[in-house]
Amino acid sequence: MVGSQSPPAAAAPSTETAERVSQRDWELLARALSPRSTLYRPGDSGYPPLALPFNHRYAGIRPAGIVACGAAGDVRTSVRWARSVGLPAVPRSGLGHNYAGYSATTGLLLNMARLNGIDSTPLPGARSRTRTYGRMRVVHDAGTVTVGAGVTNGDLHPMLEDRGMFVPTGRCPTVGVAGLVLGGGIGFSDKMFGLTCDRLVSTTVVLADGSVVKASEDAHPDLFWGCRGGAGNNFGVNTSFTFQYEQFQGDVGVYELRWSLDSALPVMAAAQRIAVNTLDDKRFHLRVGMGTHGLTRDEIRANAGVNAIGQFYGHLDELRDILAPLLAIGTAEERARNKASVREVTPGEASVLLSATTPVQQFGAKSAVLTARRLLTDEQVAAAAEQLLEWPGSDNEDGAGFAMFALGGEINQVPPDATAFVHRNGVFILAAETSWADYDPPSVATANLDWLREFYFAIFGDKPPPQSYQNFPDPTLKDWRRAYYGANYDRLVRVNQKYDPTNFFSYPQAIGT
């Protein structure tokens, strides 16, 4: 049972609109769909699992109907139908991870999971480039792979790895590739190969009027620009994406470092120095953070710790040299364990090792983009560590804390206006998160959200960094337009006015609202 939802942060459309849709209208939609798609209404056996978003915080937002889209043409049919009866149509590409609940609706939910095809096309060898990084041989720009909008990271990784192919995607296997790429797409290979959106070659989009366009640098380039970082559920419904892939052979270096919270200050200071020193070294990837979990104050204190994980495209001795300041921190037991964690594995093993889901059950987040001028000071780290121990607790083992994902390399080589993803001068994206269990009482949900706000304030005070990551949406963020999109926002509005002039695809933080 999902019993402790906080008040929905995602403004849901009025249920009165859905109630005005007649039974005959629903029957017309069902008949118009191809055999590959299915309409589910409340009361149907297939409705509950599709209605429930991965983020159970928004489980109370129930769609009037769900189309499980098995054909791109049925997305078009559904959008046209929804517009004709006055219902919003909201796509859900993965399981509904959105931190702010923007893939939940009381209108028509378009579940894209059945659009899960994956097709690859090799390019002529003359158009590719071969490079060697340690024991890894990479053929850059080896070909293209087209994926349906229902494909998740967990679907794509094994298929590509079996063929020695690679596209930089995220670390959470249940996140949809569509939502990932539309908001940018960070992961453990983005410094080497760019963001997920940087590898996008084209995308097929169903617009609000039901027309279908294929956007690329050559066709509808303004829409293509907006789809690379403008966030999901803007402009239209993307039904497929074509990416440029790499081909690889060999091993990569990985590391998993852990310390007690007592080492927070030296670890965060060393990790930030390493990130700055390796900002242009696309071979090195880092995620560092602190967190805890537990029910009681003693459990929360005992479980609190600091960690750093990542991978390296190069020789192990080079990786150990880079990590030396971190490997020297901690107790003798911690140092020995951390040193042993530095090793070589296959790319497939690395993706499994480094994968992790977003928090489960119910969760929220706040983010910030840290530049070289706004890295965390010792005082900020100490304040964060102190506030971490004040986490109210929950049975949800994902707990709370923050993670910092290193930027640089190929990411920062792209001009901030070349795509809609504006965050091209950062050193880290910081995500502060909290989570709680479905069966926690409402007071626990409230306490967690209050704690998240206080945790973020403890770090940044009343002057947080001006930029935030649009794929970690925060419904309480006031100036979200500039935080997510910076100087690119006005151009995004013009794209939206052209392709969705009536704002049919809308939510509280949609482009143009």
Foldseek 3Di string as FASTA:
>chain_A
DQAAADPALWDAPDLVLLVQQDPVLVVVLQVPADPQKHKDAPPDPPQQQLQQAQANSVSVQGARMEMADQDPLSQLSVLQSCVVSVFFEAEDQFRHPAQRRLQGYNYYYYYDQNQFDKDWDFDPLVVWDWDAAAFKIKIFLGTKMKGWSNHFQLNPLVVQVVVQKDQQAAQARRHTRQQQQQQFGDHQQCLPVNHNVVFWAWWWFQFSNSDIDIEGCVGPPLVSQNSRRVGPLFLGHTTMTMGRMMGMDGKWKKFKAKAALVCQLQQLVLVLVLLVVCQAVSFWWKKKWWFAAAQDLVRRNVRTIIMMIHIGRHDLVVVCVSCVSVLVDHDPVRSVVRVVRTDIDHPSVVSVVRHDHDFGHHKAKWKAFAAPVRRFDSQLSVLLSVLNSVQNHAPRRVAWIKMWTAHHRPQLVDDLSSHQANRNRGGTMMMTMGDHHSPDHNVNVVSNVVSNVVSQCSNANPDGHQAHRPSRDDSVDDPNQCNSGNPCLVSSLVSSCVSPVPPSSDIPPYRPD
